[in-house]
Amino acid sequence: MSQLDSTDPRGVYVPKPRWDIYTSLLLVAFLAIIIAIVCLCLEMSRYEWQMKATGVAMNVTRAVATRMIA
């Protein structure tokens, strides 16, 4: 059995991967994630990138107090 010479330029032929339905679905999923990130950034910019819920506790106690009175 003969061994291949390391200087042999031929090498092993590997066919180029084809574009199939799974590649298309991967592209669709990637685009959906990018669109979701853009929508999240737009929504966060509406709230000036604030992460804390300010004023919620006061509104909840007010709502509970008005139900107890009524």
N, C-alpha and C. Protein backbone atom coordinates (compact mmCIF):
# COMPACT_ATOMS: atom_id res chain seq x y z
N MET A 1 0.86 -1.16 0.00
CA MET A 1 0.00 0.00 0.00
C MET A 1 0.90 1.23 0.00
N SER A 2 0.69 2.12 -0.94
CA SER A 2 1.53 3.32 -1.01
C SER A 2 0.87 4.46 -0.26
N GLN A 3 1.69 5.30 0.34
CA GLN A 3 1.19 6.46 1.07
C GLN A 3 1.28 7.69 0.18
N LEU A 4 0.39 8.63 0.42
CA LEU A 4 0.40 9.87 -0.36
C LEU A 4 1.56 10.74 0.07
N ASP A 5 2.17 11.38 -0.88
CA ASP A 5 3.25 12.31 -0.59
C ASP A 5 2.63 13.59 -0.02
N SER A 6 3.24 14.19 1.00
CA SER A 6 2.69 15.40 1.62
C SER A 6 2.74 16.60 0.70
N THR A 7 3.50 16.53 -0.39
CA THR A 7 3.58 17.65 -1.33
C THR A 7 2.60 17.48 -2.48
N ASP A 8 1.80 16.43 -2.44
CA ASP A 8 0.83 16.18 -3.50
C ASP A 8 -0.28 17.22 -3.42
N PRO A 9 -0.50 18.04 -4.47
CA PRO A 9 -1.48 19.13 -4.40
C PRO A 9 -2.92 18.66 -4.56
N ARG A 10 -3.13 17.42 -4.93
CA ARG A 10 -4.50 16.98 -5.21
C ARG A 10 -5.34 16.89 -3.95
N GLY A 11 -4.90 16.25 -2.93
CA GLY A 11 -5.64 16.14 -1.68
C GLY A 11 -6.90 15.32 -1.84
N VAL A 12 -7.84 15.53 -0.94
CA VAL A 12 -9.10 14.80 -0.93
C VAL A 12 -10.19 15.72 -1.45
N TYR A 13 -10.98 15.24 -2.39
CA TYR A 13 -12.07 16.03 -2.94
C TYR A 13 -13.26 16.00 -1.98
N VAL A 14 -13.70 17.19 -1.59
CA VAL A 14 -14.89 17.32 -0.75
C VAL A 14 -15.86 18.22 -1.49
N PRO A 15 -17.05 17.73 -1.82
CA PRO A 15 -18.00 18.57 -2.56
C PRO A 15 -18.48 19.74 -1.71
N LYS A 16 -18.76 20.84 -2.40
CA LYS A 16 -19.26 22.03 -1.72
C LYS A 16 -20.67 21.75 -1.19
N PRO A 17 -20.97 22.18 0.07
CA PRO A 17 -22.32 21.95 0.61
C PRO A 17 -23.38 22.67 -0.23
N ARG A 18 -24.51 22.00 -0.41
CA ARG A 18 -25.60 22.58 -1.19
C ARG A 18 -26.50 23.43 -0.31
N TRP A 19 -27.20 24.36 -0.93
CA TRP A 19 -28.19 25.19 -0.24
C TRP A 19 -29.49 24.39 -0.19
N ASP A 20 -29.93 24.03 1.00
CA ASP A 20 -31.15 23.25 1.12
C ASP A 20 -32.13 23.94 2.06
N ILE A 21 -33.22 23.27 2.38
CA ILE A 21 -34.28 23.87 3.20
C ILE A 21 -33.79 24.18 4.61
N TYR A 22 -32.88 23.36 5.13
CA TYR A 22 -32.38 23.59 6.49
C TYR A 22 -31.50 24.84 6.56
N THR A 23 -30.75 25.07 5.50
CA THR A 23 -29.96 26.30 5.44
C THR A 23 -30.88 27.51 5.34
N SER A 24 -31.95 27.38 4.58
CA SER A 24 -32.92 28.47 4.46
C SER A 24 -33.60 28.76 5.80
N LEU A 25 -33.97 27.70 6.52
CA LEU A 25 -34.60 27.89 7.83
C LEU A 25 -33.64 28.53 8.82
N LEU A 26 -32.37 28.16 8.73
CA LEU A 26 -31.37 28.78 9.59
C LEU A 26 -31.24 30.27 9.30
N LEU A 27 -31.29 30.64 8.03
CA LEU A 27 -31.24 32.05 7.65
C LEU A 27 -32.49 32.80 8.13
N VAL A 28 -33.65 32.18 8.01
CA VAL A 28 -34.91 32.81 8.48
C VAL A 28 -34.86 33.02 9.99
N ALA A 29 -34.36 32.04 10.73
CA ALA A 29 -34.27 32.16 12.19
C ALA A 29 -33.29 33.26 12.56
N PHE A 30 -32.17 33.34 11.86
CA PHE A 30 -31.20 34.39 12.14
C PHE A 30 -31.80 35.78 11.88
N LEU A 31 -32.51 35.93 10.78
CA LEU A 31 -33.14 37.22 10.48
C LEU A 31 -34.22 37.58 11.51
N ALA A 32 -34.96 36.58 11.99
CA ALA A 32 -35.98 36.84 13.01
C ALA A 32 -35.34 37.31 14.31
N ILE A 33 -34.21 36.74 14.67
CA ILE A 33 -33.51 37.17 15.89
C ILE A 33 -33.00 38.59 15.73
N ILE A 34 -32.46 38.93 14.57
CA ILE A 34 -31.96 40.29 14.32
C ILE A 34 -33.12 41.29 14.39
N ILE A 35 -34.26 40.95 13.80
CA ILE A 35 -35.42 41.84 13.84
C ILE A 35 -35.91 42.00 15.27
N ALA A 36 -35.91 40.93 16.07
CA ALA A 36 -36.33 41.01 17.47
C ALA A 36 -35.40 41.91 18.28
N ILE A 37 -34.11 41.83 18.01
CA ILE A 37 -33.15 42.69 18.72
C ILE A 37 -33.38 44.15 18.37
N VAL A 38 -33.64 44.43 17.10
CA VAL A 38 -33.91 45.81 16.68
C VAL A 38 -35.19 46.33 17.34
N CYS A 39 -36.23 45.49 17.38
CA CYS A 39 -37.49 45.91 18.03
C CYS A 39 -37.29 46.15 19.52
N LEU A 40 -36.49 45.30 20.17
CA LEU A 40 -36.20 45.50 21.59
C LEU A 40 -35.46 46.81 21.82
N CYS A 41 -34.50 47.12 20.96
CA CYS A 41 -33.76 48.38 21.10
C CYS A 41 -34.68 49.58 20.91
N LEU A 42 -35.59 49.50 19.95
CA LEU A 42 -36.53 50.60 19.74
C LEU A 42 -37.46 50.77 20.95
N GLU A 43 -37.92 49.65 21.50
CA GLU A 43 -38.80 49.71 22.67
C GLU A 43 -38.06 50.26 23.89
N MET A 44 -36.83 49.82 24.09
CA MET A 44 -36.05 50.31 25.23
C MET A 44 -35.71 51.80 25.08
N SER A 45 -35.54 52.26 23.86
CA SER A 45 -35.24 53.69 23.67
C SER A 45 -36.47 54.54 24.02
N ARG A 46 -37.67 53.97 23.90
CA ARG A 46 -38.86 54.71 24.31
C ARG A 46 -38.87 54.95 25.82
N TYR A 47 -38.28 54.04 26.57
CA TYR A 47 -38.23 54.15 28.03
C TYR A 47 -36.88 54.67 28.50
N GLU A 48 -36.11 55.23 27.59
CA GLU A 48 -34.81 55.82 27.88
C GLU A 48 -33.89 54.83 28.58
N TRP A 49 -33.98 53.56 28.21
CA TRP A 49 -33.11 52.48 28.69
C TRP A 49 -33.18 52.30 30.20
N GLN A 50 -34.31 52.63 30.83
CA GLN A 50 -34.50 52.42 32.26
C GLN A 50 -34.96 50.99 32.50
N MET A 51 -34.30 50.30 33.42
CA MET A 51 -34.64 48.91 33.70
C MET A 51 -35.50 48.74 34.95
N LYS A 52 -35.47 49.70 35.85
CA LYS A 52 -36.22 49.59 37.10
C LYS A 52 -37.67 50.04 36.89
N ALA A 53 -38.55 49.40 37.62
CA ALA A 53 -39.95 49.76 37.59
C ALA A 53 -40.17 50.86 38.62
N THR A 54 -40.28 52.08 38.18
CA THR A 54 -40.47 53.20 39.11
C THR A 54 -41.96 53.54 39.19
N GLY A 55 -42.44 53.73 40.37
CA GLY A 55 -43.82 54.13 40.58
C GLY A 55 -44.81 52.99 40.56
N VAL A 56 -44.39 51.79 40.37
CA VAL A 56 -45.33 50.67 40.30
C VAL A 56 -45.87 50.34 41.68
N ALA A 57 -45.03 50.33 42.70
CA ALA A 57 -45.48 49.98 44.04
C ALA A 57 -46.52 50.97 44.54
N MET A 58 -46.34 52.24 44.24
CA MET A 58 -47.29 53.25 44.67
C MET A 58 -48.64 53.04 43.96
N ASN A 59 -48.61 52.70 42.70
CA ASN A 59 -49.86 52.47 41.97
C ASN A 59 -50.58 51.23 42.48
N VAL A 60 -49.85 50.21 42.84
CA VAL A 60 -50.46 48.99 43.36
C VAL A 60 -51.11 49.25 44.72
N THR A 61 -50.43 49.96 45.60
CA THR A 61 -51.01 50.25 46.92
C THR A 61 -52.22 51.15 46.78
N ARG A 62 -52.17 52.06 45.82
CA ARG A 62 -53.33 52.93 45.58
C ARG A 62 -54.52 52.11 45.10
N ALA A 63 -54.27 51.14 44.21
CA ALA A 63 -55.35 50.33 43.68
C ALA A 63 -55.94 49.44 44.77
N VAL A 64 -55.11 48.90 45.62
CA VAL A 64 -55.60 48.07 46.73
C VAL A 64 -56.39 48.92 47.70
N ALA A 65 -55.91 50.12 47.99
CA ALA A 65 -56.61 50.99 48.94
C ALA A 65 -57.97 51.42 48.41
N THR A 66 -58.06 51.70 47.12
CA THR A 66 -59.35 52.14 46.58
C THR A 66 -60.33 50.97 46.53
N ARG A 67 -59.87 49.74 46.35
CA ARG A 67 -60.79 48.60 46.36
C ARG A 67 -61.28 48.32 47.79
N MET A 68 -60.43 48.56 48.76
CA MET A 68 -60.84 48.30 50.15
C MET A 68 -61.87 49.34 50.58
N ILE A 69 -61.72 50.55 50.08
CA ILE A 69 -62.65 51.62 50.47
C ILE A 69 -64.01 51.41 49.78
N ALA A 70 -63.96 51.02 48.52
CA ALA A 70 -65.20 50.90 47.74
C ALA A 70 -66.02 49.72 48.09
